Amino acid sequence: MRYKELVCWAKKYGYTVEKESANIISWYKNDNPDNCGSSDSKNKIAQDIYNDITNGVWVEYQREEAARKAAEEIHIDPM
């Protein structure tokens, strides 16, 4: 995802994305500036905003996927 695409996508949902330095990007929710974060990864910023929009759907998915993989790793095939 390009920086300009990220800015436009975030703006649609009421967020502001800004470059703090050459590598660091920050975000915040327009109607609640305490809802914010920063990262050097555009993908991480997009995930953070998506989690904020959906009340943690991505985080919950990651937990479920990790639990599923852990269960597969300890599964013993009888054959």
N, C-alpha and C. Protein backbone atom coordinates (compact mmCIF):
# COMPACT_ATOMS: atom_id res chain seq x y z
N MET A 1 0.86 -1.17 0.00
CA MET A 1 0.00 0.00 0.00
C MET A 1 0.91 1.24 0.00
N ARG A 2 0.61 2.15 -0.87
CA ARG A 2 1.36 3.41 -0.92
C ARG A 2 0.88 4.35 0.17
N TYR A 3 1.75 5.28 0.52
CA TYR A 3 1.43 6.24 1.57
C TYR A 3 0.17 7.04 1.22
N LYS A 4 0.06 7.51 -0.03
CA LYS A 4 -1.11 8.30 -0.43
C LYS A 4 -2.39 7.48 -0.35
N GLU A 5 -2.31 6.21 -0.71
CA GLU A 5 -3.48 5.33 -0.61
C GLU A 5 -3.89 5.15 0.85
N LEU A 6 -2.91 4.98 1.71
CA LEU A 6 -3.17 4.82 3.13
C LEU A 6 -3.85 6.06 3.69
N VAL A 7 -3.36 7.24 3.31
CA VAL A 7 -3.93 8.50 3.78
C VAL A 7 -5.39 8.63 3.34
N CYS A 8 -5.65 8.33 2.07
CA CYS A 8 -7.03 8.44 1.54
C CYS A 8 -7.96 7.43 2.20
N TRP A 9 -7.49 6.19 2.36
CA TRP A 9 -8.31 5.16 2.99
C TRP A 9 -8.64 5.54 4.43
N ALA A 10 -7.63 5.98 5.17
CA ALA A 10 -7.84 6.35 6.57
C ALA A 10 -8.80 7.54 6.68
N LYS A 11 -8.66 8.50 5.79
CA LYS A 11 -9.51 9.69 5.81
C LYS A 11 -10.98 9.32 5.65
N LYS A 12 -11.26 8.31 4.80
CA LYS A 12 -12.63 7.84 4.60
C LYS A 12 -13.29 7.40 5.89
N TYR A 13 -12.49 6.86 6.80
CA TYR A 13 -13.01 6.33 8.06
C TYR A 13 -12.82 7.27 9.25
N GLY A 14 -12.38 8.50 8.97
CA GLY A 14 -12.27 9.49 10.03
C GLY A 14 -10.94 9.48 10.76
N TYR A 15 -9.89 9.08 10.10
CA TYR A 15 -8.55 9.04 10.70
C TYR A 15 -7.62 9.95 9.92
N THR A 16 -6.59 10.42 10.60
CA THR A 16 -5.56 11.20 9.96
C THR A 16 -4.24 10.44 10.06
N VAL A 17 -3.53 10.38 8.94
CA VAL A 17 -2.23 9.72 8.88
C VAL A 17 -1.22 10.78 8.46
N GLU A 18 -0.11 10.85 9.21
CA GLU A 18 0.91 11.86 8.93
C GLU A 18 2.30 11.24 9.07
N LYS A 19 3.23 11.75 8.26
CA LYS A 19 4.63 11.35 8.42
C LYS A 19 5.25 12.20 9.50
N GLU A 20 5.86 11.54 10.48
CA GLU A 20 6.56 12.26 11.54
C GLU A 20 8.01 12.50 11.14
N SER A 21 8.60 11.52 10.48
CA SER A 21 9.98 11.63 10.00
C SER A 21 10.07 10.80 8.72
N ALA A 22 11.27 10.58 8.25
CA ALA A 22 11.45 9.81 7.01
C ALA A 22 10.89 8.39 7.13
N ASN A 23 10.96 7.80 8.33
CA ASN A 23 10.54 6.41 8.50
C ASN A 23 9.30 6.22 9.36
N ILE A 24 8.95 7.17 10.17
CA ILE A 24 7.85 6.99 11.12
C ILE A 24 6.58 7.66 10.62
N ILE A 25 5.48 6.88 10.67
CA ILE A 25 4.16 7.36 10.29
C ILE A 25 3.27 7.27 11.52
N SER A 26 2.49 8.30 11.77
CA SER A 26 1.57 8.26 12.91
C SER A 26 0.14 8.38 12.41
N TRP A 27 -0.78 7.94 13.25
CA TRP A 27 -2.21 8.03 12.93
C TRP A 27 -2.97 8.41 14.18
N TYR A 28 -4.14 9.00 13.98
CA TYR A 28 -5.06 9.27 15.09
C TYR A 28 -6.47 9.40 14.55
N LYS A 29 -7.42 9.14 15.42
CA LYS A 29 -8.84 9.27 15.06
C LYS A 29 -9.23 10.72 15.23
N ASN A 30 -9.87 11.28 14.22
CA ASN A 30 -10.19 12.71 14.21
C ASN A 30 -11.07 13.14 15.38
N ASP A 31 -12.06 12.33 15.74
CA ASP A 31 -12.95 12.72 16.83
C ASP A 31 -12.48 12.25 18.20
N ASN A 32 -11.34 11.55 18.25
CA ASN A 32 -10.77 11.09 19.51
C ASN A 32 -9.25 10.98 19.35
N PRO A 33 -8.52 12.08 19.45
CA PRO A 33 -7.07 12.06 19.22
C PRO A 33 -6.29 11.16 20.19
N ASP A 34 -6.92 10.75 21.29
CA ASP A 34 -6.25 9.81 22.19
C ASP A 34 -6.14 8.42 21.57
N ASN A 35 -6.97 8.14 20.57
CA ASN A 35 -6.92 6.91 19.81
C ASN A 35 -5.86 7.10 18.74
N CYS A 36 -4.63 6.66 19.00
CA CYS A 36 -3.54 6.97 18.07
C CYS A 36 -2.47 5.90 18.12
N GLY A 37 -1.51 6.03 17.21
CA GLY A 37 -0.39 5.12 17.18
C GLY A 37 0.62 5.57 16.16
N SER A 38 1.75 4.87 16.12
CA SER A 38 2.76 5.18 15.12
C SER A 38 3.56 3.93 14.82
N SER A 39 4.19 3.91 13.65
CA SER A 39 4.98 2.76 13.23
C SER A 39 5.85 3.18 12.05
N ASP A 40 6.81 2.33 11.72
CA ASP A 40 7.60 2.57 10.53
C ASP A 40 7.07 1.75 9.35
N SER A 41 5.96 1.04 9.56
CA SER A 41 5.37 0.18 8.54
C SER A 41 3.97 0.67 8.15
N LYS A 42 3.76 0.89 6.86
CA LYS A 42 2.44 1.29 6.39
C LYS A 42 1.42 0.19 6.64
N ASN A 43 1.84 -1.06 6.48
CA ASN A 43 0.93 -2.18 6.73
C ASN A 43 0.51 -2.24 8.19
N LYS A 44 1.43 -1.99 9.09
CA LYS A 44 1.11 -1.98 10.53
C LYS A 44 0.13 -0.86 10.86
N ILE A 45 0.32 0.31 10.24
CA ILE A 45 -0.62 1.42 10.45
C ILE A 45 -2.01 1.02 9.96
N ALA A 46 -2.08 0.40 8.79
CA ALA A 46 -3.37 -0.03 8.25
C ALA A 46 -4.03 -1.05 9.17
N GLN A 47 -3.25 -2.01 9.70
CA GLN A 47 -3.79 -3.00 10.63
C GLN A 47 -4.30 -2.33 11.91
N ASP A 48 -3.53 -1.39 12.42
CA ASP A 48 -3.94 -0.70 13.64
C ASP A 48 -5.25 0.05 13.44
N ILE A 49 -5.37 0.75 12.33
CA ILE A 49 -6.60 1.50 12.05
C ILE A 49 -7.76 0.53 11.85
N TYR A 50 -7.53 -0.55 11.11
CA TYR A 50 -8.58 -1.55 10.89
C TYR A 50 -9.05 -2.14 12.22
N ASN A 51 -8.10 -2.44 13.10
CA ASN A 51 -8.46 -2.96 14.42
C ASN A 51 -9.29 -1.95 15.19
N ASP A 52 -8.95 -0.68 15.07
CA ASP A 52 -9.70 0.34 15.76
C ASP A 52 -11.11 0.46 15.19
N ILE A 53 -11.24 0.39 13.88
CA ILE A 53 -12.55 0.49 13.22
C ILE A 53 -13.43 -0.69 13.62
N THR A 54 -12.86 -1.89 13.67
CA THR A 54 -13.64 -3.11 13.89
C THR A 54 -13.59 -3.63 15.32
N ASN A 55 -13.08 -2.83 16.23
CA ASN A 55 -12.97 -3.24 17.64
C ASN A 55 -12.18 -4.53 17.82
N GLY A 56 -11.07 -4.67 17.11
CA GLY A 56 -10.15 -5.77 17.32
C GLY A 56 -10.38 -7.03 16.53
N VAL A 57 -11.12 -6.99 15.43
CA VAL A 57 -11.37 -8.19 14.64
C VAL A 57 -10.05 -8.81 14.18
N TRP A 58 -9.12 -8.00 13.70
CA TRP A 58 -7.86 -8.55 13.20
C TRP A 58 -7.07 -9.20 14.34
N VAL A 59 -7.04 -8.56 15.49
CA VAL A 59 -6.34 -9.11 16.64
C VAL A 59 -6.95 -10.44 17.03
N GLU A 60 -8.27 -10.52 17.09
CA GLU A 60 -8.94 -11.76 17.45
C GLU A 60 -8.65 -12.86 16.43
N TYR A 61 -8.65 -12.51 15.16
CA TYR A 61 -8.33 -13.48 14.11
C TYR A 61 -6.92 -14.03 14.32
N GLN A 62 -5.96 -13.15 14.62
CA GLN A 62 -4.59 -13.58 14.82
C GLN A 62 -4.48 -14.53 16.02
N ARG A 63 -5.21 -14.25 17.08
CA ARG A 63 -5.20 -15.15 18.25
C ARG A 63 -5.76 -16.52 17.89
N GLU A 64 -6.88 -16.54 17.17
CA GLU A 64 -7.50 -17.80 16.78
C GLU A 64 -6.57 -18.59 15.86
N GLU A 65 -5.93 -17.92 14.94
CA GLU A 65 -5.02 -18.58 14.00
C GLU A 65 -3.81 -19.16 14.75
N ALA A 66 -3.27 -18.42 15.69
CA ALA A 66 -2.13 -18.91 16.48
C ALA A 66 -2.54 -20.14 17.29
N ALA A 67 -3.73 -20.13 17.87
CA ALA A 67 -4.21 -21.27 18.64
C ALA A 67 -4.42 -22.49 17.74
N ARG A 68 -4.94 -22.26 16.54
CA ARG A 68 -5.15 -23.35 15.59
C ARG A 68 -3.81 -23.97 15.19
N LYS A 69 -2.83 -23.14 14.90
CA LYS A 69 -1.51 -23.65 14.51
C LYS A 69 -0.85 -24.40 15.66
N ALA A 70 -0.99 -23.90 16.88
CA ALA A 70 -0.42 -24.58 18.03
C ALA A 70 -1.07 -25.95 18.21
N ALA A 71 -2.38 -26.04 18.01
CA ALA A 71 -3.09 -27.30 18.14
C ALA A 71 -2.62 -28.30 17.07
N GLU A 72 -2.35 -27.80 15.87
CA GLU A 72 -1.86 -28.66 14.80
C GLU A 72 -0.45 -29.18 15.11
N GLU A 73 0.37 -28.33 15.71
CA GLU A 73 1.74 -28.72 16.03
C GLU A 73 1.80 -29.82 17.07
N ILE A 74 0.87 -29.85 18.00
CA ILE A 74 0.90 -30.88 19.03
C ILE A 74 0.06 -32.10 18.66
N HIS A 75 -0.61 -32.05 17.51
CA HIS A 75 -1.42 -33.18 17.05
C HIS A 75 -0.50 -34.33 16.67
N ILE A 76 -0.78 -35.51 17.19
CA ILE A 76 0.02 -36.68 16.88
C ILE A 76 -0.79 -37.59 15.97
N ASP A 77 -0.25 -37.85 14.81
CA ASP A 77 -0.93 -38.72 13.84
C ASP A 77 -0.71 -40.18 14.25
N PRO A 78 -1.78 -40.94 14.41
CA PRO A 78 -1.63 -42.33 14.87
C PRO A 78 -0.91 -43.22 13.87
N MET A 79 -0.78 -42.84 12.66
CA MET A 79 -0.12 -43.68 11.66
C MET A 79 1.31 -43.37 11.57
